[in-house]
Structures are given as structure tokens and as C-alpha cells.
Amino acid sequence: MTARKAKSVARPAAGPQSLKAKLQAVSGVKRGAPAGRDSDAEVVTGKGRKGRRSIAIYMQPLAKDLLDRIAHENKKSIQTLGIEALNLLFRHYDQKPIA
């Protein structure tokens, strides 16, 4: 029987720079520090997603159908109904309706 010799895999020499640092240097993309959140953040008004955060909820299919029907009958979007619902919830808990 002959013994097989394991192939050695050439690995790059570990230098002072990490792989992450090398990739960032090659990419040319500069990453800054993430923007902090101010507690006195400006309230965004108007349409669109800018300055807003998304949420998702899971509900029973019948509840979703009812929500769709209410939106259709009142000619409002699900987004508008959601904002209305959140503001009602905030008022219920004695908070400012800021949604």
C-alpha cells in the first residue's frame, strides 16, 4: 500500500490587515459611522417612505379581508388605515398621536 500525501493548500499570508479591511480598501466604498437617532427627531409629514420605518403584523385571513373591504368602501389605503389605527391606539394609552 502506498500512503497518499495530503496536498497543501496555499493560503495568503496573514498580514496586519484583516480580510475585511483589505476588501474595504479595494472596493473604494467609504463607510461612515451610522447616524444616531435623536430623541427630538423631526416628525415627517406627507406621502412617501422617506424618514419612516416599516412594521409588519400577522393576522387571520378573515381580518385581512375585512381590512381590505373597509379600505375599499372608504376609498382609503391600508397605509392610511394603519396610521389611523396607530393614532387611535396612542390616544387610548394617553400618548401623542404622532404616527
Foldseek 3Di string as FASTA:
>chain_A
DDDDDDDDDDDDDDDPDDPVRVVCVVVVDDDDDDDDDDPPDDQDDDDDCPPHDDDDDDDDPVVVVVLVVVCVVVVHDSVVVVLVVQLVVCVVVVHHSRD
